[in-house]
Amino acid sequence: MAPEETRTRLIAQIASLLNDGTMPADARAAGLTLIGWLARRMPGEAASRDGVEEMCRRAAVLGCRPRRIGGRRST
């Protein structure tokens, strides 16, 4: 399945879950945010790094170590 088809299917599945109406408000907001994120990304577009530096600073203050994601070290 092509990445575009996978993304479209995922958006439809999340929307279907949101229509159920029994989801907690926080989960519903997260689902809507994810749908918006998925809809914005274009094929071949790199993932956004918005907020990464801030979260790394917060992790350093709390004494957390960065985790490896996708085989790369978070900076």
N, C-alpha and C. Protein backbone atom coordinates (compact mmCIF):
# COMPACT_ATOMS: atom_id res chain seq x y z
N MET A 1 0.85 -1.18 0.00
CA MET A 1 0.00 0.00 0.00
C MET A 1 0.90 1.24 0.00
N ALA A 2 0.54 2.20 -0.83
CA ALA A 2 1.31 3.43 -0.95
C ALA A 2 1.17 4.26 0.32
N PRO A 3 2.21 5.04 0.68
CA PRO A 3 2.14 5.86 1.89
C PRO A 3 0.92 6.79 1.92
N GLU A 4 0.56 7.35 0.77
CA GLU A 4 -0.59 8.26 0.74
C GLU A 4 -1.88 7.51 1.08
N GLU A 5 -2.01 6.29 0.58
CA GLU A 5 -3.19 5.47 0.88
C GLU A 5 -3.22 5.09 2.37
N THR A 6 -2.07 4.79 2.90
CA THR A 6 -1.98 4.44 4.32
C THR A 6 -2.40 5.63 5.18
N ARG A 7 -1.92 6.82 4.83
CA ARG A 7 -2.25 8.01 5.59
C ARG A 7 -3.75 8.31 5.52
N THR A 8 -4.32 8.19 4.34
CA THR A 8 -5.76 8.43 4.16
C THR A 8 -6.58 7.44 4.97
N ARG A 9 -6.18 6.17 4.95
CA ARG A 9 -6.88 5.14 5.71
C ARG A 9 -6.80 5.41 7.20
N LEU A 10 -5.63 5.82 7.67
CA LEU A 10 -5.45 6.12 9.09
C LEU A 10 -6.32 7.30 9.52
N ILE A 11 -6.37 8.34 8.71
CA ILE A 11 -7.23 9.50 9.01
C ILE A 11 -8.68 9.05 9.12
N ALA A 12 -9.12 8.21 8.18
CA ALA A 12 -10.50 7.73 8.20
C ALA A 12 -10.79 6.89 9.44
N GLN A 13 -9.85 6.05 9.85
CA GLN A 13 -10.05 5.22 11.04
C GLN A 13 -10.13 6.07 12.30
N ILE A 14 -9.27 7.06 12.41
CA ILE A 14 -9.30 7.95 13.58
C ILE A 14 -10.61 8.73 13.61
N ALA A 15 -11.04 9.24 12.45
CA ALA A 15 -12.30 9.98 12.37
C ALA A 15 -13.47 9.09 12.78
N SER A 16 -13.43 7.83 12.39
CA SER A 16 -14.49 6.89 12.76
C SER A 16 -14.55 6.71 14.28
N LEU A 17 -13.39 6.59 14.91
CA LEU A 17 -13.34 6.47 16.37
C LEU A 17 -13.88 7.72 17.05
N LEU A 18 -13.56 8.88 16.49
CA LEU A 18 -14.02 10.14 17.07
C LEU A 18 -15.53 10.29 16.96
N ASN A 19 -16.12 9.73 15.92
CA ASN A 19 -17.57 9.81 15.74
C ASN A 19 -18.33 8.93 16.73
N ASP A 20 -17.64 8.00 17.36
CA ASP A 20 -18.28 7.10 18.32
C ASP A 20 -18.91 7.87 19.47
N GLY A 21 -18.25 8.92 19.94
CA GLY A 21 -18.80 9.77 20.98
C GLY A 21 -18.52 9.34 22.41
N THR A 22 -17.91 8.18 22.61
CA THR A 22 -17.63 7.72 23.98
C THR A 22 -16.19 7.98 24.39
N MET A 23 -15.46 8.70 23.59
CA MET A 23 -14.05 8.96 23.85
C MET A 23 -13.89 10.14 24.83
N PRO A 24 -12.95 10.02 25.79
CA PRO A 24 -12.69 11.15 26.70
C PRO A 24 -12.24 12.39 25.91
N ALA A 25 -12.48 13.55 26.48
CA ALA A 25 -12.18 14.81 25.79
C ALA A 25 -10.70 14.94 25.43
N ASP A 26 -9.81 14.52 26.32
CA ASP A 26 -8.37 14.62 26.03
C ASP A 26 -7.98 13.72 24.85
N ALA A 27 -8.54 12.51 24.82
CA ALA A 27 -8.24 11.59 23.72
C ALA A 27 -8.81 12.12 22.41
N ARG A 28 -9.99 12.73 22.48
CA ARG A 28 -10.61 13.32 21.28
C ARG A 28 -9.73 14.45 20.75
N ALA A 29 -9.25 15.31 21.63
CA ALA A 29 -8.37 16.41 21.21
C ALA A 29 -7.10 15.88 20.58
N ALA A 30 -6.53 14.83 21.17
CA ALA A 30 -5.31 14.23 20.62
C ALA A 30 -5.59 13.64 19.24
N GLY A 31 -6.73 12.99 19.07
CA GLY A 31 -7.09 12.43 17.77
C GLY A 31 -7.25 13.50 16.71
N LEU A 32 -7.90 14.60 17.07
CA LEU A 32 -8.06 15.70 16.12
C LEU A 32 -6.71 16.33 15.76
N THR A 33 -5.84 16.44 16.74
CA THR A 33 -4.50 16.97 16.48
C THR A 33 -3.74 16.06 15.53
N LEU A 34 -3.83 14.75 15.75
CA LEU A 34 -3.14 13.80 14.88
C LEU A 34 -3.71 13.85 13.47
N ILE A 35 -5.02 13.95 13.33
CA ILE A 35 -5.61 14.06 11.99
C ILE A 35 -5.08 15.32 11.29
N GLY A 36 -5.02 16.43 12.01
CA GLY A 36 -4.49 17.66 11.42
C GLY A 36 -3.05 17.51 11.00
N TRP A 37 -2.26 16.84 11.81
CA TRP A 37 -0.85 16.63 11.49
C TRP A 37 -0.71 15.73 10.27
N LEU A 38 -1.48 14.66 10.24
CA LEU A 38 -1.41 13.73 9.10
C LEU A 38 -1.87 14.40 7.81
N ALA A 39 -2.87 15.24 7.91
CA ALA A 39 -3.41 15.90 6.72
C ALA A 39 -2.43 16.93 6.16
N ARG A 40 -1.62 17.53 7.01
CA ARG A 40 -0.66 18.56 6.57
C ARG A 40 0.55 17.99 5.89
N ARG A 41 1.00 16.84 6.32
CA ARG A 41 2.24 16.28 5.78
C ARG A 41 2.07 15.86 4.34
N MET A 42 3.05 16.16 3.54
CA MET A 42 3.06 15.77 2.14
C MET A 42 4.01 14.59 1.97
N PRO A 43 3.76 13.74 0.97
CA PRO A 43 4.67 12.61 0.73
C PRO A 43 6.11 13.10 0.58
N GLY A 44 7.01 12.46 1.26
CA GLY A 44 8.42 12.82 1.20
C GLY A 44 8.82 13.95 2.12
N GLU A 45 7.86 14.59 2.79
CA GLU A 45 8.16 15.71 3.69
C GLU A 45 8.73 15.17 4.99
N ALA A 46 9.79 15.77 5.46
CA ALA A 46 10.42 15.34 6.71
C ALA A 46 9.52 15.70 7.89
N ALA A 47 9.66 14.94 8.95
CA ALA A 47 8.89 15.21 10.17
C ALA A 47 9.32 16.55 10.76
N SER A 48 8.39 17.24 11.36
CA SER A 48 8.67 18.52 11.97
C SER A 48 9.53 18.34 13.22
N ARG A 49 10.41 19.28 13.47
CA ARG A 49 11.23 19.25 14.68
C ARG A 49 10.77 20.33 15.65
N ASP A 50 9.59 20.89 15.42
CA ASP A 50 9.05 21.92 16.31
C ASP A 50 8.95 21.38 17.73
N GLY A 51 9.50 22.09 18.66
CA GLY A 51 9.40 21.72 20.07
C GLY A 51 10.45 20.75 20.55
N VAL A 52 11.26 20.19 19.65
CA VAL A 52 12.24 19.19 20.05
C VAL A 52 13.29 19.80 20.98
N GLU A 53 13.80 20.97 20.63
CA GLU A 53 14.84 21.59 21.47
C GLU A 53 14.29 21.91 22.86
N GLU A 54 13.07 22.42 22.92
CA GLU A 54 12.47 22.75 24.22
C GLU A 54 12.32 21.50 25.08
N MET A 55 11.86 20.41 24.49
CA MET A 55 11.66 19.18 25.26
C MET A 55 13.00 18.60 25.71
N CYS A 56 14.04 18.74 24.90
CA CYS A 56 15.37 18.28 25.31
C CYS A 56 15.87 19.10 26.50
N ARG A 57 15.62 20.42 26.48
CA ARG A 57 16.02 21.26 27.62
C ARG A 57 15.26 20.84 28.87
N ARG A 58 13.96 20.60 28.73
CA ARG A 58 13.16 20.17 29.89
C ARG A 58 13.65 18.83 30.42
N ALA A 59 13.97 17.93 29.52
CA ALA A 59 14.46 16.61 29.93
C ALA A 59 15.78 16.75 30.69
N ALA A 60 16.64 17.66 30.23
CA ALA A 60 17.91 17.87 30.92
C ALA A 60 17.69 18.40 32.33
N VAL A 61 16.73 19.32 32.48
CA VAL A 61 16.42 19.88 33.80
C VAL A 61 15.90 18.79 34.73
N LEU A 62 15.10 17.88 34.18
CA LEU A 62 14.52 16.80 34.99
C LEU A 62 15.47 15.62 35.16
N GLY A 63 16.60 15.65 34.46
CA GLY A 63 17.57 14.58 34.57
C GLY A 63 17.25 13.36 33.71
N CYS A 64 16.40 13.54 32.69
CA CYS A 64 16.05 12.45 31.79
C CYS A 64 17.09 12.38 30.67
N ARG A 65 17.29 11.18 30.16
CA ARG A 65 18.20 11.02 29.03
C ARG A 65 17.42 10.98 27.74
N PRO A 66 17.93 11.58 26.66
CA PRO A 66 17.25 11.51 25.36
C PRO A 66 17.16 10.07 24.89
N ARG A 67 16.04 9.72 24.25
CA ARG A 67 15.85 8.39 23.71
C ARG A 67 16.19 8.38 22.24
N ARG A 68 16.61 7.24 21.76
CA ARG A 68 16.86 7.10 20.33
C ARG A 68 15.56 6.80 19.63
N ILE A 69 15.31 7.53 18.55
CA ILE A 69 14.10 7.33 17.76
C ILE A 69 14.54 7.21 16.31
N GLY A 70 14.16 6.12 15.68
CA GLY A 70 14.49 5.95 14.28
C GLY A 70 15.97 5.78 14.02
N GLY A 71 16.71 5.29 15.02
CA GLY A 71 18.13 5.06 14.84
C GLY A 71 18.99 6.30 14.96
N ARG A 72 18.38 7.44 15.23
CA ARG A 72 19.17 8.68 15.38
C ARG A 72 19.06 9.15 16.81
N ARG A 73 20.10 9.80 17.26
CA ARG A 73 20.09 10.35 18.60
C ARG A 73 19.43 11.71 18.59
N SER A 74 18.47 11.93 19.49
CA SER A 74 17.82 13.24 19.59
C SER A 74 18.81 14.25 20.12
N THR A 75 18.79 15.45 19.52
CA THR A 75 19.71 16.51 19.99
C THR A 75 18.94 17.69 20.45
